[in-house]
Amino acid sequence: MEQAFVPETRSVYFQTVMAVTKRKYRDPIAVEQGRRLKKQREARDMTQEALAKLIGYRQSAVGNWEAGVRRIRHEEAEKLAEVLGLPSAYFLGAISEQEARVIQTIRNGSD
């Protein structure tokens, strides 16, 4: 009777390469979203914890967005937009900061 094939465990080298690769890779969209969020939060002298509390999330979520670990989803962008006073499209990366300011100016002028 033949023995069943049992794959060898992955080498230490392979495991190390995979661990380093996963740590260093950041989704470019998530990184840009995080950069935008951090810029706006810091411009308002707000901590991650304070922002998280205002939008109903944990500080770790805000930290993950800013670090580019996780993308900001639409519903999260809506909450950020409400608190930080910019369109959600800005936090999703769909429009520039200049376009966001124009939109906000138009919205504020129509109130």
PDB file of N, CA and C in Angstrom:
ATOM      1  N   MET A   1       0.847  -1.189   0.000  1.00  0.00           N
ATOM      2  CA  MET A   1       0.000   0.000   0.000  1.00  0.00           C
ATOM      3  C   MET A   1       0.888   1.246   0.000  1.00  0.00           C
ATOM      4  N   GLU A   2       0.566   2.187  -0.883  1.00  0.00           N
ATOM      5  CA  GLU A   2       1.360   3.413  -0.993  1.00  0.00           C
ATOM      6  C   GLU A   2       0.938   4.408   0.074  1.00  0.00           C
ATOM      7  N   GLN A   3       1.933   5.168   0.493  1.00  0.00           N
ATOM      8  CA  GLN A   3       1.625   6.218   1.465  1.00  0.00           C
ATOM      9  C   GLN A   3       1.085   7.442   0.735  1.00  0.00           C
ATOM     10  N   ALA A   4       0.180   8.129   1.378  1.00  0.00           N
ATOM     11  CA  ALA A   4      -0.371   9.357   0.804  1.00  0.00           C
ATOM     12  C   ALA A   4       0.690  10.447   0.828  1.00  0.00           C
ATOM     13  N   PHE A   5       0.637  11.295  -0.173  1.00  0.00           N
ATOM     14  CA  PHE A   5       1.585  12.393  -0.252  1.00  0.00           C
ATOM     15  C   PHE A   5       1.251  13.421   0.825  1.00  0.00           C
ATOM     16  N   VAL A   6       2.241  13.767   1.625  1.00  0.00           N
ATOM     17  CA  VAL A   6       2.065  14.769   2.668  1.00  0.00           C
ATOM     18  C   VAL A   6       3.029  15.909   2.356  1.00  0.00           C
ATOM     19  N   PRO A   7       2.492  17.074   1.995  1.00  0.00           N
ATOM     20  CA  PRO A   7       3.389  18.185   1.651  1.00  0.00           C
ATOM     21  C   PRO A   7       4.221  18.601   2.859  1.00  0.00           C
ATOM     22  N   GLU A   8       5.447  18.982   2.579  1.00  0.00           N
ATOM     23  CA  GLU A   8       6.315  19.450   3.651  1.00  0.00           C
ATOM     24  C   GLU A   8       5.814  20.809   4.138  1.00  0.00           C
ATOM     25  N   THR A   9       6.149  21.101   5.352  1.00  0.00           N
ATOM     26  CA  THR A   9       5.779  22.416   5.853  1.00  0.00           C
ATOM     27  C   THR A   9       6.609  23.448   5.119  1.00  0.00           C
ATOM     28  N   ARG A  10       6.106  24.622   5.009  1.00  0.00           N
ATOM     29  CA  ARG A  10       6.813  25.675   4.292  1.00  0.00           C
ATOM     30  C   ARG A  10       8.101  26.014   5.009  1.00  0.00           C
ATOM     31  N   SER A  11       9.079  26.349   4.236  1.00  0.00           N
ATOM     32  CA  SER A  11      10.385  26.666   4.809  1.00  0.00           C
ATOM     33  C   SER A  11      10.319  27.946   5.629  1.00  0.00           C
ATOM     34  N   VAL A  12      11.257  28.077   6.524  1.00  0.00           N
ATOM     35  CA  VAL A  12      11.348  29.289   7.344  1.00  0.00           C
ATOM     36  C   VAL A  12      11.566  30.493   6.443  1.00  0.00           C
ATOM     37  N   TYR A  13      12.382  30.331   5.401  1.00  0.00           N
ATOM     38  CA  TYR A  13      12.635  31.411   4.456  1.00  0.00           C
ATOM     39  C   TYR A  13      11.333  31.882   3.820  1.00  0.00           C
ATOM     40  N   PHE A  14      10.522  30.931   3.328  1.00  0.00           N
ATOM     41  CA  PHE A  14       9.257  31.265   2.686  1.00  0.00           C
ATOM     42  C   PHE A  14       8.333  31.994   3.659  1.00  0.00           C
ATOM     43  N   GLN A  15       8.233  31.496   4.872  1.00  0.00           N
ATOM     44  CA  GLN A  15       7.377  32.126   5.875  1.00  0.00           C
ATOM     45  C   GLN A  15       7.842  33.539   6.180  1.00  0.00           C
ATOM     46  N   THR A  16       9.152  33.737   6.255  1.00  0.00           N
ATOM     47  CA  THR A  16       9.701  35.063   6.542  1.00  0.00           C
ATOM     48  C   THR A  16       9.405  36.029   5.399  1.00  0.00           C
ATOM     49  N   VAL A  17       9.621  35.580   4.168  1.00  0.00           N
ATOM     50  CA  VAL A  17       9.350  36.427   3.003  1.00  0.00           C
ATOM     51  C   VAL A  17       7.888  36.823   2.968  1.00  0.00           C
ATOM     52  N   MET A  18       6.997  35.890   3.203  1.00  0.00           N
ATOM     53  CA  MET A  18       5.565  36.191   3.181  1.00  0.00           C
ATOM     54  C   MET A  18       5.182  37.170   4.285  1.00  0.00           C
ATOM     55  N   ALA A  19       5.741  37.001   5.466  1.00  0.00           N
ATOM     56  CA  ALA A  19       5.426  37.897   6.577  1.00  0.00           C
ATOM     57  C   ALA A  19       5.893  39.314   6.272  1.00  0.00           C
ATOM     58  N   VAL A  20       7.087  39.464   5.747  1.00  0.00           N
ATOM     59  CA  VAL A  20       7.623  40.787   5.426  1.00  0.00           C
ATOM     60  C   VAL A  20       6.821  41.416   4.303  1.00  0.00           C
ATOM     61  N   THR A  21       6.492  40.640   3.282  1.00  0.00           N
ATOM     62  CA  THR A  21       5.736  41.151   2.144  1.00  0.00           C
ATOM     63  C   THR A  21       4.370  41.662   2.589  1.00  0.00           C
ATOM     64  N   LYS A  22       3.689  40.905   3.425  1.00  0.00           N
ATOM     65  CA  LYS A  22       2.369  41.316   3.888  1.00  0.00           C
ATOM     66  C   LYS A  22       2.448  42.593   4.710  1.00  0.00           C
ATOM     67  N   ARG A  23       3.489  42.713   5.501  1.00  0.00           N
ATOM     68  CA  ARG A  23       3.626  43.888   6.352  1.00  0.00           C
ATOM     69  C   ARG A  23       3.912  45.142   5.545  1.00  0.00           C
ATOM     70  N   LYS A  24       4.736  45.021   4.520  1.00  0.00           N
ATOM     71  CA  LYS A  24       5.165  46.195   3.768  1.00  0.00           C
ATOM     72  C   LYS A  24       4.162  46.636   2.716  1.00  0.00           C
ATOM     73  N   TYR A  25       3.360  45.720   2.182  1.00  0.00           N
ATOM     74  CA  TYR A  25       2.438  46.089   1.113  1.00  0.00           C
ATOM     75  C   TYR A  25       1.270  46.892   1.667  1.00  0.00           C
ATOM     76  N   ARG A  26       0.997  47.998   1.028  1.00  0.00           N
ATOM     77  CA  ARG A  26      -0.178  48.796   1.360  1.00  0.00           C
ATOM     78  C   ARG A  26      -0.909  49.099   0.061  1.00  0.00           C
ATOM     79  N   ASP A  27      -2.202  48.951   0.089  1.00  0.00           N
ATOM     80  CA  ASP A  27      -3.042  49.268  -1.049  1.00  0.00           C
ATOM     81  C   ASP A  27      -2.892  50.760  -1.348  1.00  0.00           C
ATOM     82  N   PRO A  28      -2.493  51.138  -2.557  1.00  0.00           N
ATOM     83  CA  PRO A  28      -2.281  52.559  -2.874  1.00  0.00           C
ATOM     84  C   PRO A  28      -3.515  53.422  -2.645  1.00  0.00           C
ATOM     85  N   ILE A  29      -4.682  52.872  -2.886  1.00  0.00           N
ATOM     86  CA  ILE A  29      -5.915  53.644  -2.657  1.00  0.00           C
ATOM     87  C   ILE A  29      -6.109  53.877  -1.172  1.00  0.00           C
ATOM     88  N   ALA A  30      -5.908  52.842  -0.368  1.00  0.00           N
ATOM     89  CA  ALA A  30      -6.042  52.968   1.086  1.00  0.00           C
ATOM     90  C   ALA A  30      -5.013  53.951   1.641  1.00  0.00           C
ATOM     91  N   VAL A  31      -3.811  53.926   1.094  1.00  0.00           N
ATOM     92  CA  VAL A  31      -2.763  54.850   1.546  1.00  0.00           C
ATOM     93  C   VAL A  31      -3.166  56.293   1.255  1.00  0.00           C
ATOM     94  N   GLU A  32      -3.687  56.551   0.057  1.00  0.00           N
ATOM     95  CA  GLU A  32      -4.105  57.912  -0.302  1.00  0.00           C
ATOM     96  C   GLU A  32      -5.291  58.359   0.544  1.00  0.00           C
ATOM     97  N   GLN A  33      -6.243  57.461   0.773  1.00  0.00           N
ATOM     98  CA  GLN A  33      -7.377  57.802   1.632  1.00  0.00           C
ATOM     99  C   GLN A  33      -6.883  58.157   3.031  1.00  0.00           C
ATOM    100  N   GLY A  34      -5.962  57.373   3.547  1.00  0.00           N
ATOM    101  CA  GLY A  34      -5.416  57.612   4.880  1.00  0.00           C
ATOM    102  C   GLY A  34      -4.665  58.926   4.972  1.00  0.00           C
ATOM    103  N   ARG A  35      -3.908  59.248   3.931  1.00  0.00           N
ATOM    104  CA  ARG A  35      -3.177  60.513   3.904  1.00  0.00           C
ATOM    105  C   ARG A  35      -4.147  61.698   3.961  1.00  0.00           C
ATOM    106  N   ARG A  36      -5.209  61.598   3.190  1.00  0.00           N
ATOM    107  CA  ARG A  36      -6.217  62.670   3.167  1.00  0.00           C
ATOM    108  C   ARG A  36      -6.904  62.811   4.523  1.00  0.00           C
ATOM    109  N   LEU A  37      -7.278  61.683   5.102  1.00  0.00           N
ATOM    110  CA  LEU A  37      -7.949  61.714   6.395  1.00  0.00           C
ATOM    111  C   LEU A  37      -7.053  62.315   7.464  1.00  0.00           C
ATOM    112  N   LYS A  38      -5.815  61.865   7.523  1.00  0.00           N
ATOM    113  CA  LYS A  38      -4.889  62.368   8.543  1.00  0.00           C
ATOM    114  C   LYS A  38      -4.656  63.862   8.385  1.00  0.00           C
ATOM    115  N   LYS A  39      -4.505  64.322   7.151  1.00  0.00           N
ATOM    116  CA  LYS A  39      -4.297  65.750   6.889  1.00  0.00           C
ATOM    117  C   LYS A  39      -5.468  66.579   7.420  1.00  0.00           C
ATOM    118  N   GLN A  40      -6.678  66.134   7.149  1.00  0.00           N
ATOM    119  CA  GLN A  40      -7.861  66.877   7.585  1.00  0.00           C
ATOM    120  C   GLN A  40      -8.050  66.808   9.097  1.00  0.00           C
ATOM    121  N   ARG A  41      -7.776  65.651   9.669  1.00  0.00           N
ATOM    122  CA  ARG A  41      -7.908  65.504  11.129  1.00  0.00           C
ATOM    123  C   ARG A  41      -6.903  66.401  11.844  1.00  0.00           C
ATOM    124  N   GLU A  42      -5.660  66.363  11.400  1.00  0.00           N
ATOM    125  CA  GLU A  42      -4.623  67.175  12.042  1.00  0.00           C
ATOM    126  C   GLU A  42      -4.848  68.667  11.832  1.00  0.00           C
ATOM    127  N   ALA A  43      -5.421  69.053  10.706  1.00  0.00           N
ATOM    128  CA  ALA A  43      -5.724  70.468  10.448  1.00  0.00           C
ATOM    129  C   ALA A  43      -6.743  71.010  11.450  1.00  0.00           C
ATOM    130  N   ARG A  44      -7.494  70.114  12.047  1.00  0.00           N
ATOM    131  CA  ARG A  44      -8.503  70.501  13.040  1.00  0.00           C
ATOM    132  C   ARG A  44      -8.030  70.217  14.469  1.00  0.00           C
ATOM    133  N   ASP A  45      -6.740  69.925  14.630  1.00  0.00           N
ATOM    134  CA  ASP A  45      -6.154  69.615  15.945  1.00  0.00           C
ATOM    135  C   ASP A  45      -6.971  68.565  16.691  1.00  0.00           C
ATOM    136  N   MET A  46      -7.318  67.505  15.983  1.00  0.00           N
ATOM    137  CA  MET A  46      -8.149  66.448  16.541  1.00  0.00           C
ATOM    138  C   MET A  46      -7.312  65.167  16.660  1.00  0.00           C
ATOM    139  N   THR A  47      -7.508  64.437  17.741  1.00  0.00           N
ATOM    140  CA  THR A  47      -6.821  63.154  17.898  1.00  0.00           C
ATOM    141  C   THR A  47      -7.614  62.068  17.169  1.00  0.00           C
ATOM    142  N   GLN A  48      -6.953  60.951  16.921  1.00  0.00           N
ATOM    143  CA  GLN A  48      -7.658  59.810  16.332  1.00  0.00           C
ATOM    144  C   GLN A  48      -8.794  59.369  17.236  1.00  0.00           C
ATOM    145  N   GLU A  49      -8.543  59.371  18.529  1.00  0.00           N
ATOM    146  CA  GLU A  49      -9.561  58.931  19.489  1.00  0.00           C
ATOM    147  C   GLU A  49     -10.779  59.860  19.474  1.00  0.00           C
ATOM    148  N   ALA A  50     -10.537  61.168  19.406  1.00  0.00           N
ATOM    149  CA  ALA A  50     -11.650  62.130  19.377  1.00  0.00           C
ATOM    150  C   ALA A  50     -12.478  61.956  18.106  1.00  0.00           C
ATOM    151  N   LEU A  51     -11.800  61.793  16.972  1.00  0.00           N
ATOM    152  CA  LEU A  51     -12.517  61.591  15.712  1.00  0.00           C
ATOM    153  C   LEU A  51     -13.310  60.290  15.759  1.00  0.00           C
ATOM    154  N   ALA A  52     -12.688  59.246  16.256  1.00  0.00           N
ATOM    155  CA  ALA A  52     -13.366  57.953  16.344  1.00  0.00           C
ATOM    156  C   ALA A  52     -14.640  58.050  17.178  1.00  0.00           C
ATOM    157  N   LYS A  53     -14.552  58.759  18.271  1.00  0.00           N
ATOM    158  CA  LYS A  53     -15.713  58.910  19.144  1.00  0.00           C
ATOM    159  C   LYS A  53     -16.847  59.654  18.427  1.00  0.00           C
ATOM    160  N   LEU A  54     -16.485  60.693  17.657  1.00  0.00           N
ATOM    161  CA  LEU A  54     -17.487  61.481  16.942  1.00  0.00           C
ATOM    162  C   LEU A  54     -18.205  60.693  15.846  1.00  0.00           C
ATOM    163  N   ILE A  55     -17.510  59.744  15.234  1.00  0.00           N
ATOM    164  CA  ILE A  55     -18.127  58.972  14.154  1.00  0.00           C
ATOM    165  C   ILE A  55     -18.632  57.608  14.600  1.00  0.00           C
ATOM    166  N   GLY A  56     -18.403  57.267  15.878  1.00  0.00           N
ATOM    167  CA  GLY A  56     -18.916  56.017  16.409  1.00  0.00           C
ATOM    168  C   GLY A  56     -18.085  54.794  16.082  1.00  0.00           C
ATOM    169  N   TYR A  57     -16.789  54.989  15.919  1.00  0.00           N
ATOM    170  CA  TYR A  57     -15.862  53.880  15.651  1.00  0.00           C
ATOM    171  C   TYR A  57     -14.782  53.868  16.716  1.00  0.00           C
ATOM    172  N   ARG A  58     -13.967  52.827  16.702  1.00  0.00           N
ATOM    173  CA  ARG A  58     -12.834  52.742  17.629  1.00  0.00           C
ATOM    174  C   ARG A  58     -11.645  53.499  17.057  1.00  0.00           C
ATOM    175  N   GLN A  59     -10.746  53.896  17.948  1.00  0.00           N
ATOM    176  CA  GLN A  59      -9.528  54.586  17.528  1.00  0.00           C
ATOM    177  C   GLN A  59      -8.716  53.721  16.587  1.00  0.00           C
ATOM    178  N   SER A  60      -8.728  52.421  16.790  1.00  0.00           N
ATOM    179  CA  SER A  60      -7.956  51.516  15.929  1.00  0.00           C
ATOM    180  C   SER A  60      -8.442  51.562  14.479  1.00  0.00           C
ATOM    181  N   ALA A  61      -9.725  51.781  14.270  1.00  0.00           N
ATOM    182  CA  ALA A  61     -10.254  51.889  12.905  1.00  0.00           C
ATOM    183  C   ALA A  61      -9.674  53.124  12.218  1.00  0.00           C
ATOM    184  N   VAL A  62      -9.685  54.247  12.922  1.00  0.00           N
ATOM    185  CA  VAL A  62      -9.122  55.485  12.365  1.00  0.00           C
ATOM    186  C   VAL A  62      -7.631  55.296  12.098  1.00  0.00           C
ATOM    187  N   GLY A  63      -6.934  54.664  13.019  1.00  0.00           N
ATOM    188  CA  GLY A  63      -5.510  54.397  12.836  1.00  0.00           C
ATOM    189  C   GLY A  63      -5.240  53.504  11.631  1.00  0.00           C
ATOM    190  N   ASN A  64      -6.062  52.488  11.438  1.00  0.00           N
ATOM    191  CA  ASN A  64      -5.908  51.599  10.278  1.00  0.00           C
ATOM    192  C   ASN A  64      -6.172  52.321   8.967  1.00  0.00           C
ATOM    193  N   TRP A  65      -7.161  53.215   8.954  1.00  0.00           N
ATOM    194  CA  TRP A  65      -7.422  53.994   7.739  1.00  0.00           C
ATOM    195  C   TRP A  65      -6.230  54.896   7.433  1.00  0.00           C
ATOM    196  N   GLU A  66      -5.751  55.593   8.444  1.00  0.00           N
ATOM    197  CA  GLU A  66      -4.650  56.533   8.238  1.00  0.00           C
ATOM    198  C   GLU A  66      -3.356  55.829   7.845  1.00  0.00           C
ATOM    199  N   ALA A  67      -3.155  54.624   8.328  1.00  0.00           N
ATOM    200  CA  ALA A  67      -1.945  53.862   8.006  1.00  0.00           C
ATOM    201  C   ALA A  67      -2.044  53.167   6.653  1.00  0.00           C
ATOM    202  N   GLY A  68      -3.216  53.211   6.033  1.00  0.00           N
ATOM    203  CA  GLY A  68      -3.399  52.556   4.748  1.00  0.00           C
ATOM    204  C   GLY A  68      -3.582  51.055   4.861  1.00  0.00           C
ATOM    205  N   VAL A  69      -3.944  50.589   6.037  1.00  0.00           N
ATOM    206  CA  VAL A  69      -4.167  49.158   6.255  1.00  0.00           C
ATOM    207  C   VAL A  69      -5.533  48.753   5.705  1.00  0.00           C
ATOM    208  N   ARG A  70      -6.511  49.634   5.863  1.00  0.00           N
ATOM    209  CA  ARG A  70      -7.880  49.374   5.392  1.00  0.00           C
ATOM    210  C   ARG A  70      -8.381  50.556   4.577  1.00  0.00           C
ATOM    211  N   ARG A  71      -9.152  50.246   3.551  1.00  0.00           N
ATOM    212  CA  ARG A  71      -9.806  51.313   2.780  1.00  0.00           C
ATOM    213  C   ARG A  71     -10.987  51.861   3.558  1.00  0.00           C
ATOM    214  N   ILE A  72     -11.288  53.116   3.322  1.00  0.00           N
ATOM    215  CA  ILE A  72     -12.473  53.748   3.895  1.00  0.00           C
ATOM    216  C   ILE A  72     -13.655  53.380   3.003  1.00  0.00           C
ATOM    217  N   ARG A  73     -14.678  52.791   3.592  1.00  0.00           N
ATOM    218  CA  ARG A  73     -15.880  52.432   2.832  1.00  0.00           C
ATOM    219  C   ARG A  73     -16.806  53.643   2.735  1.00  0.00           C
ATOM    220  N   HIS A  74     -17.785  53.523   1.845  1.00  0.00           N
ATOM    221  CA  HIS A  74     -18.696  54.641   1.579  1.00  0.00           C
ATOM    222  C   HIS A  74     -19.401  55.129   2.848  1.00  0.00           C
ATOM    223  N   GLU A  75     -19.948  54.204   3.626  1.00  0.00           N
ATOM    224  CA  GLU A  75     -20.694  54.626   4.824  1.00  0.00           C
ATOM    225  C   GLU A  75     -19.766  55.292   5.852  1.00  0.00           C
ATOM    226  N   GLU A  76     -18.514  54.861   5.892  1.00  0.00           N
ATOM    227  CA  GLU A  76     -17.536  55.477   6.791  1.00  0.00           C
ATOM    228  C   GLU A  76     -17.171  56.875   6.286  1.00  0.00           C
ATOM    229  N   ALA A  77     -17.035  56.992   4.972  1.00  0.00           N
ATOM    230  CA  ALA A  77     -16.721  58.289   4.369  1.00  0.00           C
ATOM    231  C   ALA A  77     -17.834  59.302   4.627  1.00  0.00           C
ATOM    232  N   GLU A  78     -19.066  58.835   4.616  1.00  0.00           N
ATOM    233  CA  GLU A  78     -20.204  59.723   4.894  1.00  0.00           C
ATOM    234  C   GLU A  78     -20.113  60.298   6.310  1.00  0.00           C
ATOM    235  N   LYS A  79     -19.771  59.463   7.274  1.00  0.00           N
ATOM    236  CA  LYS A  79     -19.635  59.928   8.656  1.00  0.00           C
ATOM    237  C   LYS A  79     -18.457  60.891   8.796  1.00  0.00           C
ATOM    238  N   LEU A  80     -17.342  60.560   8.157  1.00  0.00           N
ATOM    239  CA  LEU A  80     -16.176  61.449   8.197  1.00  0.00           C
ATOM    240  C   LEU A  80     -16.502  62.794   7.561  1.00  0.00           C
ATOM    241  N   ALA A  81     -17.227  62.759   6.461  1.00  0.00           N
ATOM    242  CA  ALA A  81     -17.604  63.988   5.759  1.00  0.00           C
ATOM    243  C   ALA A  81     -18.453  64.891   6.644  1.00  0.00           C
ATOM    244  N   GLU A  82     -19.374  64.281   7.355  1.00  0.00           N
ATOM    245  CA  GLU A  82     -20.253  65.054   8.236  1.00  0.00           C
ATOM    246  C   GLU A  82     -19.463  65.740   9.351  1.00  0.00           C
ATOM    247  N   VAL A  83     -18.531  65.015   9.942  1.00  0.00           N
ATOM    248  CA  VAL A  83     -17.761  65.543  11.068  1.00  0.00           C
ATOM    249  C   VAL A  83     -16.687  66.533  10.615  1.00  0.00           C
ATOM    250  N   LEU A  84     -16.018  66.224   9.499  1.00  0.00           N
ATOM    251  CA  LEU A  84     -14.892  67.053   9.072  1.00  0.00           C
ATOM    252  C   LEU A  84     -15.278  68.140   8.057  1.00  0.00           C
ATOM    253  N   GLY A  85     -16.519  68.122   7.601  1.00  0.00           N
ATOM    254  CA  GLY A  85     -17.016  69.208   6.764  1.00  0.00           C
ATOM    255  C   GLY A  85     -16.551  69.206   5.323  1.00  0.00           C
ATOM    256  N   LEU A  86     -16.264  68.041   4.788  1.00  0.00           N
ATOM    257  CA  LEU A  86     -15.897  67.918   3.381  1.00  0.00           C
ATOM    258  C   LEU A  86     -16.760  66.835   2.745  1.00  0.00           C
ATOM    259  N   PRO A  87     -16.912  66.848   1.423  1.00  0.00           N
ATOM    260  CA  PRO A  87     -17.713  65.802   0.771  1.00  0.00           C
ATOM    261  C   PRO A  87     -17.091  64.415   0.970  1.00  0.00           C
ATOM    262  N   SER A  88     -17.928  63.414   1.047  1.00  0.00           N
ATOM    263  CA  SER A  88     -17.433  62.043   1.224  1.00  0.00           C
ATOM    264  C   SER A  88     -16.556  61.613   0.053  1.00  0.00           C
ATOM    265  N   ALA A  89     -16.814  62.146  -1.132  1.00  0.00           N
ATOM    266  CA  ALA A  89     -16.023  61.804  -2.322  1.00  0.00           C
ATOM    267  C   ALA A  89     -14.546  62.154  -2.123  1.00  0.00           C
ATOM    268  N   TYR A  90     -14.269  63.168  -1.321  1.00  0.00           N
ATOM    269  CA  TYR A  90     -12.877  63.533  -1.045  1.00  0.00           C
ATOM    270  C   TYR A  90     -12.175  62.412  -0.294  1.00  0.00           C
ATOM    271  N   PHE A  91     -12.812  61.852   0.717  1.00  0.00           N
ATOM    272  CA  PHE A  91     -12.200  60.799   1.517  1.00  0.00           C
ATOM    273  C   PHE A  91     -12.100  59.482   0.744  1.00  0.00           C
ATOM    274  N   LEU A  92     -12.947  59.315  -0.251  1.00  0.00           N
ATOM    275  CA  LEU A  92     -12.889  58.114  -1.082  1.00  0.00           C
ATOM    276  C   LEU A  92     -11.865  58.260  -2.211  1.00  0.00           C
ATOM    277  N   GLY A  93     -11.332  59.467  -2.378  1.00  0.00           N
ATOM    278  CA  GLY A  93     -10.316  59.700  -3.401  1.00  0.00           C
ATOM    279  C   GLY A  93     -10.872  60.051  -4.760  1.00  0.00           C
ATOM    280  N   ALA A  94     -12.160  60.351  -4.834  1.00  0.00           N
ATOM    281  CA  ALA A  94     -12.798  60.627  -6.119  1.00  0.00           C
ATOM    282  C   ALA A  94     -12.600  62.067  -6.589  1.00  0.00           C
ATOM    283  N   ILE A  95     -12.361  62.980  -5.653  1.00  0.00           N
ATOM    284  CA  ILE A  95     -12.142  64.382  -6.013  1.00  0.00           C
ATOM    285  C   ILE A  95     -10.957  64.930  -5.228  1.00  0.00           C
ATOM    286  N   SER A  96     -10.386  66.015  -5.742  1.00  0.00           N
ATOM    287  CA  SER A  96      -9.240  66.642  -5.082  1.00  0.00           C
ATOM    288  C   SER A  96      -9.712  67.509  -3.918  1.00  0.00           C
ATOM    289  N   GLU A  97      -8.745  67.949  -3.125  1.00  0.00           N
ATOM    290  CA  GLU A  97      -9.082  68.835  -2.005  1.00  0.00           C
ATOM    291  C   GLU A  97      -9.661  70.148  -2.522  1.00  0.00           C
ATOM    292  N   GLN A  98      -9.093  70.654  -3.600  1.00  0.00           N
ATOM    293  CA  GLN A  98      -9.600  71.913  -4.177  1.00  0.00           C
ATOM    294  C   GLN A  98     -11.052  71.758  -4.629  1.00  0.00           C
ATOM    295  N   GLU A  99     -11.362  70.645  -5.295  1.00  0.00           N
ATOM    296  CA  GLU A  99     -12.743  70.400  -5.725  1.00  0.00           C
ATOM    297  C   GLU A  99     -13.659  70.244  -4.513  1.00  0.00           C
ATOM    298  N   ALA A 100     -13.177  69.606  -3.478  1.00  0.00           N
ATOM    299  CA  ALA A 100     -13.971  69.425  -2.255  1.00  0.00           C
ATOM    300  C   ALA A 100     -14.296  70.778  -1.624  1.00  0.00           C
ATOM    301  N   ARG A 101     -13.309  71.673  -1.605  1.00  0.00           N
ATOM    302  CA  ARG A 101     -13.533  73.011  -1.037  1.00  0.00           C
ATOM    303  C   ARG A 101     -14.569  73.793  -1.846  1.00  0.00           C
ATOM    304  N   VAL A 102     -14.510  73.675  -3.161  1.00  0.00           N
ATOM    305  CA  VAL A 102     -15.484  74.364  -4.014  1.00  0.00           C
ATOM    306  C   VAL A 102     -16.886  73.844  -3.730  1.00  0.00           C
ATOM    307  N   ILE A 103     -17.020  72.536  -3.667  1.00  0.00           N
ATOM    308  CA  ILE A 103     -18.327  71.928  -3.383  1.00  0.00           C
ATOM    309  C   ILE A 103     -18.836  72.387  -2.020  1.00  0.00           C
ATOM    310  N   GLN A 104     -17.952  72.398  -1.024  1.00  0.00           N
ATOM    311  CA  GLN A 104     -18.359  72.804   0.326  1.00  0.00           C
ATOM    312  C   GLN A 104     -18.785  74.277   0.338  1.00  0.00           C
ATOM    313  N   THR A 105     -18.064  75.111  -0.389  1.00  0.00           N
ATOM    314  CA  THR A 105     -18.416  76.542  -0.473  1.00  0.00           C
ATOM    315  C   THR A 105     -19.798  76.721  -1.099  1.00  0.00           C
ATOM    316  N   ILE A 106     -20.055  75.979  -2.161  1.00  0.00           N
ATOM    317  CA  ILE A 106     -21.371  76.052  -2.820  1.00  0.00           C
ATOM    318  C   ILE A 106     -22.459  75.579  -1.870  1.00  0.00           C
ATOM    319  N   ARG A 107     -22.226  74.484  -1.181  1.00  0.00           N
ATOM    320  CA  ARG A 107     -23.218  73.973  -0.224  1.00  0.00           C
ATOM    321  C   ARG A 107     -23.484  74.970   0.892  1.00  0.00           C
ATOM    322  N   ASN A 108     -22.437  75.572   1.428  1.00  0.00           N
ATOM    323  CA  ASN A 108     -22.603  76.529   2.518  1.00  0.00           C
ATOM    324  C   ASN A 108     -23.293  77.793   2.044  1.00  0.00           C
ATOM    325  N   GLY A 109     -23.098  78.156   0.793  1.00  0.00           N
ATOM    326  CA  GLY A 109     -23.736  79.346   0.237  1.00  0.00           C
ATOM    327  C   GLY A 109     -25.218  79.155   0.000  1.00  0.00           C
ATOM    328  N   SER A 110     -25.647  77.905  -0.142  1.00  0.00           N
ATOM    329  CA  SER A 110     -27.067  77.634  -0.424  1.00  0.00           C
ATOM    330  C   SER A 110     -27.877  77.395   0.841  1.00  0.00           C
ATOM    331  N   ASP A 111     -27.219  77.441   2.003  1.00  0.00           N
ATOM    332  CA  ASP A 111     -27.943  77.233   3.278  1.00  0.00           C
ATOM    333  C   ASP A 111     -28.775  78.418   3.666  1.00  0.00           C
TER     334      ASP A 111
END
